[in-house]
């Protein structure tokens, strides 16, 4: 989960990088995502500017689900992911597990 900085101005590229997966969906699917993400309670869907690592591609406007602080303040916000890349963080975490658990079932 990512939290949006209250001082952030849309389009400011100086903040922390977050690696995301973008999906192109229709309105019906978007409303299903709102339901899954408990939009308005746990997360807020906000418009954001997405920049590509390949800077020759122009930025795009996307929706992003940001955590709502009032909901999440009762939960510890650790560990933080320094790289901002959840997928890579999760792969490294799975490598550290011991035993015969097939984590592919849970990803």
PDB file of N, CA and C in Angstrom:
ATOM      1  N   UNK A   1       0.838  -1.160   0.000  1.00  0.00           N
ATOM      2  CA  UNK A   1       0.000   0.000   0.000  1.00  0.00           C
ATOM      3  C   UNK A   1       0.892   1.234   0.000  1.00  0.00           C
ATOM      4  N   UNK A   2       0.501   2.222  -0.734  1.00  0.00           N
ATOM      5  CA  UNK A   2       1.237   3.488  -0.772  1.00  0.00           C
ATOM      6  C   UNK A   2       0.350   4.581  -0.189  1.00  0.00           C
ATOM      7  N   UNK A   3       0.983   5.490   0.521  1.00  0.00           N
ATOM      8  CA  UNK A   3       0.281   6.641   1.065  1.00  0.00           C
ATOM      9  C   UNK A   3       0.708   7.859   0.263  1.00  0.00           C
ATOM     10  N   UNK A   4      -0.237   8.724  -0.010  1.00  0.00           N
ATOM     11  CA  UNK A   4       0.058   9.938  -0.742  1.00  0.00           C
ATOM     12  C   UNK A   4       0.499  11.015   0.239  1.00  0.00           C
ATOM     13  N   UNK A   5       1.585  11.703  -0.076  1.00  0.00           N
ATOM     14  CA  UNK A   5       2.100  12.793   0.739  1.00  0.00           C
ATOM     15  C   UNK A   5       1.165  13.994   0.592  1.00  0.00           C
ATOM     16  N   UNK A   6       0.724  14.563   1.710  1.00  0.00           N
ATOM     17  CA  UNK A   6      -0.197  15.699   1.673  1.00  0.00           C
ATOM     18  C   UNK A   6       0.413  16.930   1.002  1.00  0.00           C
ATOM     19  N   UNK A   7       1.747  17.037   1.009  1.00  0.00           N
ATOM     20  CA  UNK A   7       2.424  18.185   0.400  1.00  0.00           C
ATOM     21  C   UNK A   7       2.719  17.975  -1.084  1.00  0.00           C
ATOM     22  N   UNK A   8       2.412  16.791  -1.594  1.00  0.00           N
ATOM     23  CA  UNK A   8       2.728  16.455  -2.979  1.00  0.00           C
ATOM     24  C   UNK A   8       1.878  17.267  -3.954  1.00  0.00           C
ATOM     25  N   UNK A   9       2.513  17.756  -5.001  1.00  0.00           N
ATOM     26  CA  UNK A   9       1.817  18.443  -6.090  1.00  0.00           C
ATOM     27  C   UNK A   9       1.866  17.525  -7.311  1.00  0.00           C
ATOM     28  N   UNK A  10       0.719  17.252  -7.881  1.00  0.00           N
ATOM     29  CA  UNK A  10       0.643  16.337  -9.022  1.00  0.00           C
ATOM     30  C   UNK A  10       1.623  16.759 -10.119  1.00  0.00           C
ATOM     31  N   UNK A  11       2.365  15.779 -10.614  1.00  0.00           N
ATOM     32  CA  UNK A  11       3.339  16.029 -11.666  1.00  0.00           C
ATOM     33  C   UNK A  11       4.745  16.274 -11.143  1.00  0.00           C
ATOM     34  N   UNK A  12       4.907  16.397  -9.814  1.00  0.00           N
ATOM     35  CA  UNK A  12       6.223  16.601  -9.211  1.00  0.00           C
ATOM     36  C   UNK A  12       6.975  15.275  -9.229  1.00  0.00           C
ATOM     37  N   UNK A  13       8.086  15.219  -9.944  1.00  0.00           N
ATOM     38  CA  UNK A  13       8.848  13.972 -10.085  1.00  0.00           C
ATOM     39  C   UNK A  13       9.933  13.819  -9.023  1.00  0.00           C
ATOM     40  N   UNK A  14       9.990  14.706  -8.035  1.00  0.00           N
ATOM     41  CA  UNK A  14      11.072  14.655  -7.054  1.00  0.00           C
ATOM     42  C   UNK A  14      10.790  13.688  -5.906  1.00  0.00           C
ATOM     43  N   UNK A  15       9.592  13.154  -5.804  1.00  0.00           N
ATOM     44  CA  UNK A  15       9.241  12.264  -4.697  1.00  0.00           C
ATOM     45  C   UNK A  15       9.790  10.862  -4.872  1.00  0.00           C
ATOM     46  N   UNK A  16       9.387   9.966  -3.996  1.00  0.00           N
ATOM     47  CA  UNK A  16       9.818   8.579  -4.069  1.00  0.00           C
ATOM     48  C   UNK A  16       9.164   7.875  -5.247  1.00  0.00           C
ATOM     49  N   UNK A  17       9.944   7.023  -5.890  1.00  0.00           N
ATOM     50  CA  UNK A  17       9.455   6.255  -7.026  1.00  0.00           C
ATOM     51  C   UNK A  17       8.637   5.063  -6.525  1.00  0.00           C
ATOM     52  N   UNK A  18       7.523   4.787  -7.183  1.00  0.00           N
ATOM     53  CA  UNK A  18       6.714   3.616  -6.899  1.00  0.00           C
ATOM     54  C   UNK A  18       6.547   2.869  -8.218  1.00  0.00           C
ATOM     55  N   UNK A  19       6.940   1.602  -8.230  1.00  0.00           N
ATOM     56  CA  UNK A  19       6.804   0.783  -9.425  1.00  0.00           C
ATOM     57  C   UNK A  19       5.410   0.182  -9.420  1.00  0.00           C
ATOM     58  N   UNK A  20       4.689   0.344 -10.518  1.00  0.00           N
ATOM     59  CA  UNK A  20       3.299  -0.087 -10.579  1.00  0.00           C
ATOM     60  C   UNK A  20       3.043  -0.955 -11.801  1.00  0.00           C
ATOM     61  N   UNK A  21       1.947  -1.663 -11.737  1.00  0.00           N
ATOM     62  CA  UNK A  21       1.435  -2.381 -12.889  1.00  0.00           C
ATOM     63  C   UNK A  21       0.169  -1.643 -13.312  1.00  0.00           C
ATOM     64  N   UNK A  22       0.092  -1.267 -14.566  1.00  0.00           N
ATOM     65  CA  UNK A  22      -1.071  -0.532 -15.059  1.00  0.00           C
ATOM     66  C   UNK A  22      -1.943  -1.446 -15.902  1.00  0.00           C
ATOM     67  N   UNK A  23      -3.224  -1.320 -15.699  1.00  0.00           N
ATOM     68  CA  UNK A  23      -4.205  -2.097 -16.449  1.00  0.00           C
ATOM     69  C   UNK A  23      -5.127  -1.138 -17.177  1.00  0.00           C
ATOM     70  N   UNK A  24      -5.464  -1.463 -18.406  1.00  0.00           N
ATOM     71  CA  UNK A  24      -6.421  -0.676 -19.171  1.00  0.00           C
ATOM     72  C   UNK A  24      -7.765  -1.376 -19.031  1.00  0.00           C
ATOM     73  N   UNK A  25      -8.696  -0.761 -18.299  1.00  0.00           N
ATOM     74  CA  UNK A  25      -9.971  -1.417 -17.990  1.00  0.00           C
ATOM     75  C   UNK A  25     -11.142  -0.527 -18.373  1.00  0.00           C
ATOM     76  N   UNK A  26     -12.301  -1.147 -18.547  1.00  0.00           N
ATOM     77  CA  UNK A  26     -13.515  -0.377 -18.815  1.00  0.00           C
ATOM     78  C   UNK A  26     -14.125   0.096 -17.493  1.00  0.00           C
ATOM     79  N   UNK A  27     -15.178   0.920 -17.604  1.00  0.00           N
ATOM     80  CA  UNK A  27     -15.785   1.516 -16.413  1.00  0.00           C
ATOM     81  C   UNK A  27     -16.332   0.458 -15.457  1.00  0.00           C
ATOM     82  N   UNK A  28     -16.956  -0.590 -15.996  1.00  0.00           N
ATOM     83  CA  UNK A  28     -17.514  -1.643 -15.137  1.00  0.00           C
ATOM     84  C   UNK A  28     -16.413  -2.319 -14.317  1.00  0.00           C
ATOM     85  N   UNK A  29     -15.288  -2.593 -14.951  1.00  0.00           N
ATOM     86  CA  UNK A  29     -14.167  -3.217 -14.241  1.00  0.00           C
ATOM     87  C   UNK A  29     -13.594  -2.253 -13.203  1.00  0.00           C
ATOM     88  N   UNK A  30     -13.526  -0.970 -13.540  1.00  0.00           N
ATOM     89  CA  UNK A  30     -13.033   0.026 -12.591  1.00  0.00           C
ATOM     90  C   UNK A  30     -13.907   0.064 -11.342  1.00  0.00           C
ATOM     91  N   UNK A  31     -15.214  -0.013 -11.518  1.00  0.00           N
ATOM     92  CA  UNK A  31     -16.103  -0.010 -10.343  1.00  0.00           C
ATOM     93  C   UNK A  31     -15.929  -1.290  -9.524  1.00  0.00           C
ATOM     94  N   UNK A  32     -15.585  -2.399 -10.177  1.00  0.00           N
ATOM     95  CA  UNK A  32     -15.294  -3.631  -9.433  1.00  0.00           C
ATOM     96  C   UNK A  32     -14.015  -3.470  -8.624  1.00  0.00           C
ATOM     97  N   UNK A  33     -13.002  -2.820  -9.205  1.00  0.00           N
ATOM     98  CA  UNK A  33     -11.781  -2.536  -8.450  1.00  0.00           C
ATOM     99  C   UNK A  33     -12.091  -1.637  -7.257  1.00  0.00           C
ATOM    100  N   UNK A  34     -12.956  -0.644  -7.437  1.00  0.00           N
ATOM    101  CA  UNK A  34     -13.354   0.221  -6.311  1.00  0.00           C
ATOM    102  C   UNK A  34     -13.925  -0.617  -5.174  1.00  0.00           C
ATOM    103  N   UNK A  35     -14.743  -1.596  -5.512  1.00  0.00           N
ATOM    104  CA  UNK A  35     -15.345  -2.472  -4.503  1.00  0.00           C
ATOM    105  C   UNK A  35     -14.262  -3.313  -3.818  1.00  0.00           C
ATOM    106  N   UNK A  36     -13.389  -3.916  -4.607  1.00  0.00           N
ATOM    107  CA  UNK A  36     -12.322  -4.768  -4.063  1.00  0.00           C
ATOM    108  C   UNK A  36     -11.405  -3.965  -3.146  1.00  0.00           C
ATOM    109  N   UNK A  37     -11.057  -2.757  -3.549  1.00  0.00           N
ATOM    110  CA  UNK A  37     -10.128  -1.920  -2.778  1.00  0.00           C
ATOM    111  C   UNK A  37     -10.824  -1.140  -1.664  1.00  0.00           C
ATOM    112  N   UNK A  38     -12.131  -1.379  -1.492  1.00  0.00           N
ATOM    113  CA  UNK A  38     -12.899  -0.690  -0.456  1.00  0.00           C
ATOM    114  C   UNK A  38     -12.713   0.822  -0.596  1.00  0.00           C
ATOM    115  N   UNK A  39     -12.907   1.302  -1.819  1.00  0.00           N
ATOM    116  CA  UNK A  39     -12.680   2.707  -2.177  1.00  0.00           C
ATOM    117  C   UNK A  39     -13.503   3.626  -1.284  1.00  0.00           C
ATOM    118  N   UNK A  40     -12.819   4.631  -0.766  1.00  0.00           N
ATOM    119  CA  UNK A  40     -13.472   5.583   0.128  1.00  0.00           C
ATOM    120  C   UNK A  40     -13.333   5.234   1.593  1.00  0.00           C
ATOM    121  N   UNK A  41     -12.934   4.011   1.910  1.00  0.00           N
ATOM    122  CA  UNK A  41     -12.760   3.588   3.304  1.00  0.00           C
ATOM    123  C   UNK A  41     -11.296   3.236   3.558  1.00  0.00           C
ATOM    124  N   UNK A  42     -10.773   2.234   2.820  1.00  0.00           N
ATOM    125  CA  UNK A  42      -9.377   1.829   2.969  1.00  0.00           C
ATOM    126  C   UNK A  42      -8.466   2.574   1.990  1.00  0.00           C
ATOM    127  N   UNK A  43      -8.970   2.783   0.779  1.00  0.00           N
ATOM    128  CA  UNK A  43      -8.193   3.408  -0.285  1.00  0.00           C
ATOM    129  C   UNK A  43      -9.034   4.461  -0.984  1.00  0.00           C
ATOM    130  N   UNK A  44      -8.349   5.429  -1.552  1.00  0.00           N
ATOM    131  CA  UNK A  44      -9.019   6.451  -2.355  1.00  0.00           C
ATOM    132  C   UNK A  44      -8.441   6.389  -3.766  1.00  0.00           C
ATOM    133  N   UNK A  45      -9.328   6.342  -4.749  1.00  0.00           N
ATOM    134  CA  UNK A  45      -8.875   6.333  -6.145  1.00  0.00           C
ATOM    135  C   UNK A  45      -8.614   7.776  -6.547  1.00  0.00           C
ATOM    136  N   UNK A  46      -7.374   8.047  -6.925  1.00  0.00           N
ATOM    137  CA  UNK A  46      -6.980   9.398  -7.308  1.00  0.00           C
ATOM    138  C   UNK A  46      -6.346   9.372  -8.692  1.00  0.00           C
ATOM    139  N   UNK A  47      -6.482  10.483  -9.415  1.00  0.00           N
ATOM    140  CA  UNK A  47      -5.784  10.612 -10.686  1.00  0.00           C
ATOM    141  C   UNK A  47      -4.338  10.943 -10.400  1.00  0.00           C
ATOM    142  N   UNK A  48      -3.455  10.345 -11.184  1.00  0.00           N
ATOM    143  CA  UNK A  48      -2.028  10.575 -10.981  1.00  0.00           C
ATOM    144  C   UNK A  48      -1.343  10.591 -12.346  1.00  0.00           C
ATOM    145  N   UNK A  49      -0.182  11.195 -12.395  1.00  0.00           N
ATOM    146  CA  UNK A  49       0.632  11.200 -13.600  1.00  0.00           C
ATOM    147  C   UNK A  49       1.641  10.073 -13.486  1.00  0.00           C
ATOM    148  N   UNK A  50       1.656   9.205 -14.489  1.00  0.00           N
ATOM    149  CA  UNK A  50       2.597   8.082 -14.509  1.00  0.00           C
ATOM    150  C   UNK A  50       3.699   8.396 -15.515  1.00  0.00           C
ATOM    151  N   UNK A  51       4.942   8.252 -15.059  1.00  0.00           N
ATOM    152  CA  UNK A  51       6.104   8.466 -15.911  1.00  0.00           C
ATOM    153  C   UNK A  51       6.748   7.123 -16.199  1.00  0.00           C
ATOM    154  N   UNK A  52       7.166   6.919 -17.417  1.00  0.00           N
ATOM    155  CA  UNK A  52       7.836   5.683 -17.816  1.00  0.00           C
ATOM    156  C   UNK A  52       9.325   5.797 -17.561  1.00  0.00           C
ATOM    157  N   UNK A  53       9.964   4.648 -17.284  1.00  0.00           N
ATOM    158  CA  UNK A  53      11.420   4.649 -17.176  1.00  0.00           C
ATOM    159  C   UNK A  53      12.034   5.059 -18.502  1.00  0.00           C
ATOM    160  N   UNK A  54      11.420   4.604 -19.593  1.00  0.00           N
ATOM    161  CA  UNK A  54      11.830   5.016 -20.933  1.00  0.00           C
ATOM    162  C   UNK A  54      11.294   6.430 -21.149  1.00  0.00           C
ATOM    163  N   UNK A  55      12.135   7.435 -20.946  1.00  0.00           N
ATOM    164  CA  UNK A  55      11.683   8.824 -20.966  1.00  0.00           C
ATOM    165  C   UNK A  55      11.249   9.307 -22.341  1.00  0.00           C
ATOM    166  N   UNK A  56      11.451   8.482 -23.385  1.00  0.00           N
ATOM    167  CA  UNK A  56      10.960   8.884 -24.705  1.00  0.00           C
ATOM    168  C   UNK A  56       9.443   8.704 -24.801  1.00  0.00           C
ATOM    169  N   UNK A  57       8.862   7.911 -23.867  1.00  0.00           N
ATOM    170  CA  UNK A  57       7.404   7.752 -23.829  1.00  0.00           C
ATOM    171  C   UNK A  57       6.802   8.884 -23.009  1.00  0.00           C
ATOM    172  N   UNK A  58       5.730   9.485 -23.499  1.00  0.00           N
ATOM    173  CA  UNK A  58       5.131  10.601 -22.755  1.00  0.00           C
ATOM    174  C   UNK A  58       4.420  10.108 -21.495  1.00  0.00           C
ATOM    175  N   UNK A  59       4.329  10.951 -20.462  1.00  0.00           N
ATOM    176  CA  UNK A  59       3.595  10.573 -19.248  1.00  0.00           C
ATOM    177  C   UNK A  59       2.117  10.356 -19.563  1.00  0.00           C
ATOM    178  N   UNK A  60       1.459   9.581 -18.725  1.00  0.00           N
ATOM    179  CA  UNK A  60       0.030   9.318 -18.903  1.00  0.00           C
ATOM    180  C   UNK A  60      -0.699   9.601 -17.597  1.00  0.00           C
ATOM    181  N   UNK A  61      -1.979   9.947 -17.716  1.00  0.00           N
ATOM    182  CA  UNK A  61      -2.836  10.113 -16.548  1.00  0.00           C
ATOM    183  C   UNK A  61      -3.464   8.765 -16.241  1.00  0.00           C
ATOM    184  N   UNK A  62      -3.335   8.323 -14.988  1.00  0.00           N
ATOM    185  CA  UNK A  62      -3.849   7.020 -14.560  1.00  0.00           C
ATOM    186  C   UNK A  62      -4.579   7.193 -13.237  1.00  0.00           C
ATOM    187  N   UNK A  63      -5.341   6.185 -12.861  1.00  0.00           N
ATOM    188  CA  UNK A  63      -5.922   6.131 -11.524  1.00  0.00           C
ATOM    189  C   UNK A  63      -4.993   5.319 -10.639  1.00  0.00           C
ATOM    190  N   UNK A  64      -4.906   5.720  -9.388  1.00  0.00           N
ATOM    191  CA  UNK A  64      -4.029   5.089  -8.412  1.00  0.00           C
ATOM    192  C   UNK A  64      -4.812   4.962  -7.112  1.00  0.00           C
ATOM    193  N   UNK A  65      -4.721   3.810  -6.435  1.00  0.00           N
ATOM    194  CA  UNK A  65      -5.388   3.631  -5.147  1.00  0.00           C
ATOM    195  C   UNK A  65      -4.395   3.953  -4.035  1.00  0.00           C
ATOM    196  N   UNK A  66      -4.617   5.072  -3.370  1.00  0.00           N
ATOM    197  CA  UNK A  66      -3.759   5.509  -2.268  1.00  0.00           C
ATOM    198  C   UNK A  66      -4.440   5.156  -0.952  1.00  0.00           C
ATOM    199  N   UNK A  67      -3.656   4.714   0.021  1.00  0.00           N
ATOM    200  CA  UNK A  67      -4.193   4.388   1.334  1.00  0.00           C
ATOM    201  C   UNK A  67      -4.768   5.615   2.026  1.00  0.00           C
ATOM    202  N   UNK A  68      -5.875   5.454   2.717  1.00  0.00           N
ATOM    203  CA  UNK A  68      -6.492   6.543   3.485  1.00  0.00           C
ATOM    204  C   UNK A  68      -5.913   6.505   4.901  1.00  0.00           C
ATOM    205  N   UNK A  69      -5.233   7.571   5.267  1.00  0.00           N
ATOM    206  CA  UNK A  69      -4.505   7.619   6.549  1.00  0.00           C
ATOM    207  C   UNK A  69      -5.386   7.319   7.759  1.00  0.00           C
ATOM    208  N   UNK A  70      -6.582   7.857   7.814  1.00  0.00           N
ATOM    209  CA  UNK A  70      -7.442   7.636   8.986  1.00  0.00           C
ATOM    210  C   UNK A  70      -7.749   6.153   9.178  1.00  0.00           C
ATOM    211  N   UNK A  71      -7.845   5.405   8.107  1.00  0.00           N
ATOM    212  CA  UNK A  71      -8.099   3.962   8.229  1.00  0.00           C
ATOM    213  C   UNK A  71      -6.826   3.235   8.646  1.00  0.00           C
ATOM    214  N   UNK A  72      -5.711   3.523   7.980  1.00  0.00           N
ATOM    215  CA  UNK A  72      -4.477   2.756   8.162  1.00  0.00           C
ATOM    216  C   UNK A  72      -3.636   3.175   9.356  1.00  0.00           C
ATOM    217  N   UNK A  73      -3.957   4.283  10.036  1.00  0.00           N
ATOM    218  CA  UNK A  73      -3.100   4.740  11.137  1.00  0.00           C
ATOM    219  C   UNK A  73      -3.051   3.756  12.298  1.00  0.00           C
ATOM    220  N   UNK A  74      -4.029   2.851  12.372  1.00  0.00           N
ATOM    221  CA  UNK A  74      -4.029   1.874  13.473  1.00  0.00           C
ATOM    222  C   UNK A  74      -3.154   0.649  13.167  1.00  0.00           C
ATOM    223  N   UNK A  75      -2.588   0.591  11.954  1.00  0.00           N
ATOM    224  CA  UNK A  75      -1.734  -0.527  11.560  1.00  0.00           C
ATOM    225  C   UNK A  75      -0.302  -0.048  11.389  1.00  0.00           C
ATOM    226  N   UNK A  76       0.669  -0.884  11.789  1.00  0.00           N
ATOM    227  CA  UNK A  76       2.066  -0.474  11.589  1.00  0.00           C
ATOM    228  C   UNK A  76       2.379  -0.383  10.094  1.00  0.00           C
ATOM    229  N   UNK A  77       3.093   0.644   9.705  1.00  0.00           N
ATOM    230  CA  UNK A  77       3.433   0.862   8.299  1.00  0.00           C
ATOM    231  C   UNK A  77       4.829   0.343   7.978  1.00  0.00           C
ATOM    232  N   UNK A  78       5.093  -0.892   8.345  1.00  0.00           N
ATOM    233  CA  UNK A  78       6.396  -1.479   8.058  1.00  0.00           C
ATOM    234  C   UNK A  78       6.181  -2.826   7.404  1.00  0.00           C
ATOM    235  N   UNK A  79       7.092  -3.371   6.664  1.00  0.00           N
ATOM    236  CA  UNK A  79       8.340  -2.699   6.290  1.00  0.00           C
ATOM    237  C   UNK A  79       8.110  -1.755   5.123  1.00  0.00           C
ATOM    238  N   UNK A  80       8.891  -0.699   5.091  1.00  0.00           N
ATOM    239  CA  UNK A  80       8.847   0.187   3.943  1.00  0.00           C
ATOM    240  C   UNK A  80       9.714  -0.438   2.852  1.00  0.00           C
ATOM    241  N   UNK A  81       9.351  -0.204   1.639  1.00  0.00           N
ATOM    242  CA  UNK A  81      10.062  -0.794   0.507  1.00  0.00           C
ATOM    243  C   UNK A  81      10.904   0.307  -0.139  1.00  0.00           C
ATOM    244  N   UNK A  82      12.217   0.330   0.159  1.00  0.00           N
ATOM    245  CA  UNK A  82      13.062   1.433  -0.315  1.00  0.00           C
ATOM    246  C   UNK A  82      13.017   1.631  -1.832  1.00  0.00           C
ATOM    247  N   UNK A  83      12.960   0.550  -2.587  1.00  0.00           N
ATOM    248  CA  UNK A  83      12.966   0.671  -4.050  1.00  0.00           C
ATOM    249  C   UNK A  83      11.608   1.106  -4.592  1.00  0.00           C
ATOM    250  N   UNK A  84      10.538   0.942  -3.789  1.00  0.00           N
ATOM    251  CA  UNK A  84       9.200   1.239  -4.264  1.00  0.00           C
ATOM    252  C   UNK A  84       8.621   0.152  -5.152  1.00  0.00           C
ATOM    253  N   UNK A  85       9.342  -0.977  -5.291  1.00  0.00           N
ATOM    254  CA  UNK A  85       8.919  -2.058  -6.188  1.00  0.00           C
ATOM    255  C   UNK A  85       8.406  -3.241  -5.370  1.00  0.00           C
ATOM    256  N   UNK A  86       7.080  -3.320  -5.180  1.00  0.00           N
ATOM    257  CA  UNK A  86       6.466  -4.381  -4.375  1.00  0.00           C
ATOM    258  C   UNK A  86       6.748  -5.752  -4.955  1.00  0.00           C
ATOM    259  N   UNK A  87       6.671  -5.925  -6.267  1.00  0.00           N
ATOM    260  CA  UNK A  87       6.877  -7.234  -6.887  1.00  0.00           C
ATOM    261  C   UNK A  87       8.275  -7.770  -6.564  1.00  0.00           C
ATOM    262  N   UNK A  88       9.300  -6.936  -6.707  1.00  0.00           N
ATOM    263  CA  UNK A  88      10.665  -7.360  -6.404  1.00  0.00           C
ATOM    264  C   UNK A  88      10.816  -7.636  -4.909  1.00  0.00           C
ATOM    265  N   UNK A  89      10.254  -6.796  -4.067  1.00  0.00           N
ATOM    266  CA  UNK A  89      10.290  -6.993  -2.623  1.00  0.00           C
ATOM    267  C   UNK A  89       9.674  -8.346  -2.262  1.00  0.00           C
ATOM    268  N   UNK A  90       8.526  -8.657  -2.848  1.00  0.00           N
ATOM    269  CA  UNK A  90       7.834  -9.910  -2.561  1.00  0.00           C
ATOM    270  C   UNK A  90       8.648 -11.116  -3.042  1.00  0.00           C
ATOM    271  N   UNK A  91       9.266 -11.020  -4.226  1.00  0.00           N
ATOM    272  CA  UNK A  91      10.117 -12.121  -4.718  1.00  0.00           C
ATOM    273  C   UNK A  91      11.258 -12.393  -3.736  1.00  0.00           C
ATOM    274  N   UNK A  92      11.901 -11.341  -3.238  1.00  0.00           N
ATOM    275  CA  UNK A  92      13.007 -11.515  -2.300  1.00  0.00           C
ATOM    276  C   UNK A  92      12.515 -12.089  -0.974  1.00  0.00           C
ATOM    277  N   UNK A  93      11.341 -11.670  -0.532  1.00  0.00           N
ATOM    278  CA  UNK A  93      10.777 -12.175   0.726  1.00  0.00           C
ATOM    279  C   UNK A  93      10.473 -13.664   0.607  1.00  0.00           C
ATOM    280  N   UNK A  94       9.932 -14.093  -0.518  1.00  0.00           N
ATOM    281  CA  UNK A  94       9.603 -15.507  -0.728  1.00  0.00           C
ATOM    282  C   UNK A  94      10.863 -16.355  -0.720  1.00  0.00           C
ATOM    283  N   UNK A  95      11.956 -15.840  -1.282  1.00  0.00           N
ATOM    284  CA  UNK A  95      13.228 -16.579  -1.315  1.00  0.00           C
ATOM    285  C   UNK A  95      13.729 -16.885   0.092  1.00  0.00           C
ATOM    286  N   UNK A  96      13.388 -16.032   1.054  1.00  0.00           N
ATOM    287  CA  UNK A  96      13.867 -16.204   2.426  1.00  0.00           C
ATOM    288  C   UNK A  96      13.065 -17.245   3.215  1.00  0.00           C
ATOM    289  N   UNK A  97      11.908 -17.635   2.690  1.00  0.00           N
ATOM    290  CA  UNK A  97      11.061 -18.590   3.412  1.00  0.00           C
ATOM    291  C   UNK A  97      11.713 -19.968   3.494  1.00  0.00           C
ATOM    292  N   UNK A  98      11.443 -20.678   4.550  1.00  0.00           N
ATOM    293  CA  UNK A  98      11.939 -22.041   4.729  1.00  0.00           C
ATOM    294  C   UNK A  98      10.755 -22.995   4.659  1.00  0.00           C
ATOM    295  N   UNK A  99      11.007 -24.246   4.287  1.00  0.00           N
ATOM    296  CA  UNK A  99       9.933 -25.238   4.287  1.00  0.00           C
ATOM    297  C   UNK A  99       9.385 -25.483   2.902  1.00  0.00           C
ATOM    298  N   UNK A 100       8.321 -26.297   2.841  1.00  0.00           N
ATOM    299  CA  UNK A 100       7.786 -26.730   1.565  1.00  0.00           C
ATOM    300  C   UNK A 100       6.566 -25.978   1.109  1.00  0.00           C
ATOM    301  N   UNK A 101       6.413 -24.715   1.498  1.00  0.00           N
ATOM    302  CA  UNK A 101       5.236 -23.944   1.098  1.00  0.00           C
ATOM    303  C   UNK A 101       5.413 -23.460  -0.327  1.00  0.00           C
ATOM    304  N   UNK A 102       4.417 -23.722  -1.171  1.00  0.00           N
ATOM    305  CA  UNK A 102       4.463 -23.241  -2.549  1.00  0.00           C
ATOM    306  C   UNK A 102       3.827 -21.857  -2.571  1.00  0.00           C
ATOM    307  N   UNK A 103       4.666 -20.834  -2.491  1.00  0.00           N
ATOM    308  CA  UNK A 103       4.149 -19.466  -2.423  1.00  0.00           C
ATOM    309  C   UNK A 103       3.549 -18.998  -3.741  1.00  0.00           C
ATOM    310  N   UNK A 104       3.833 -19.710  -4.848  1.00  0.00           N
ATOM    311  CA  UNK A 104       3.231 -19.330  -6.120  1.00  0.00           C
ATOM    312  C   UNK A 104       1.703 -19.364  -6.027  1.00  0.00           C
ATOM    313  N   UNK A 105       1.179 -20.207  -5.143  1.00  0.00           N
ATOM    314  CA  UNK A 105      -0.271 -20.295  -4.971  1.00  0.00           C
ATOM    315  C   UNK A 105      -0.850 -19.004  -4.425  1.00  0.00           C
ATOM    316  N   UNK A 106      -0.038 -18.211  -3.749  1.00  0.00           N
ATOM    317  CA  UNK A 106      -0.522 -17.023  -3.068  1.00  0.00           C
ATOM    318  C   UNK A 106      -0.180 -15.724  -3.771  1.00  0.00           C
ATOM    319  N   UNK A 107       0.513 -15.797  -4.911  1.00  0.00           N
ATOM    320  CA  UNK A 107       0.918 -14.541  -5.556  1.00  0.00           C
ATOM    321  C   UNK A 107      -0.028 -14.160  -6.657  1.00  0.00           C
TER     322      UNK A 107
END
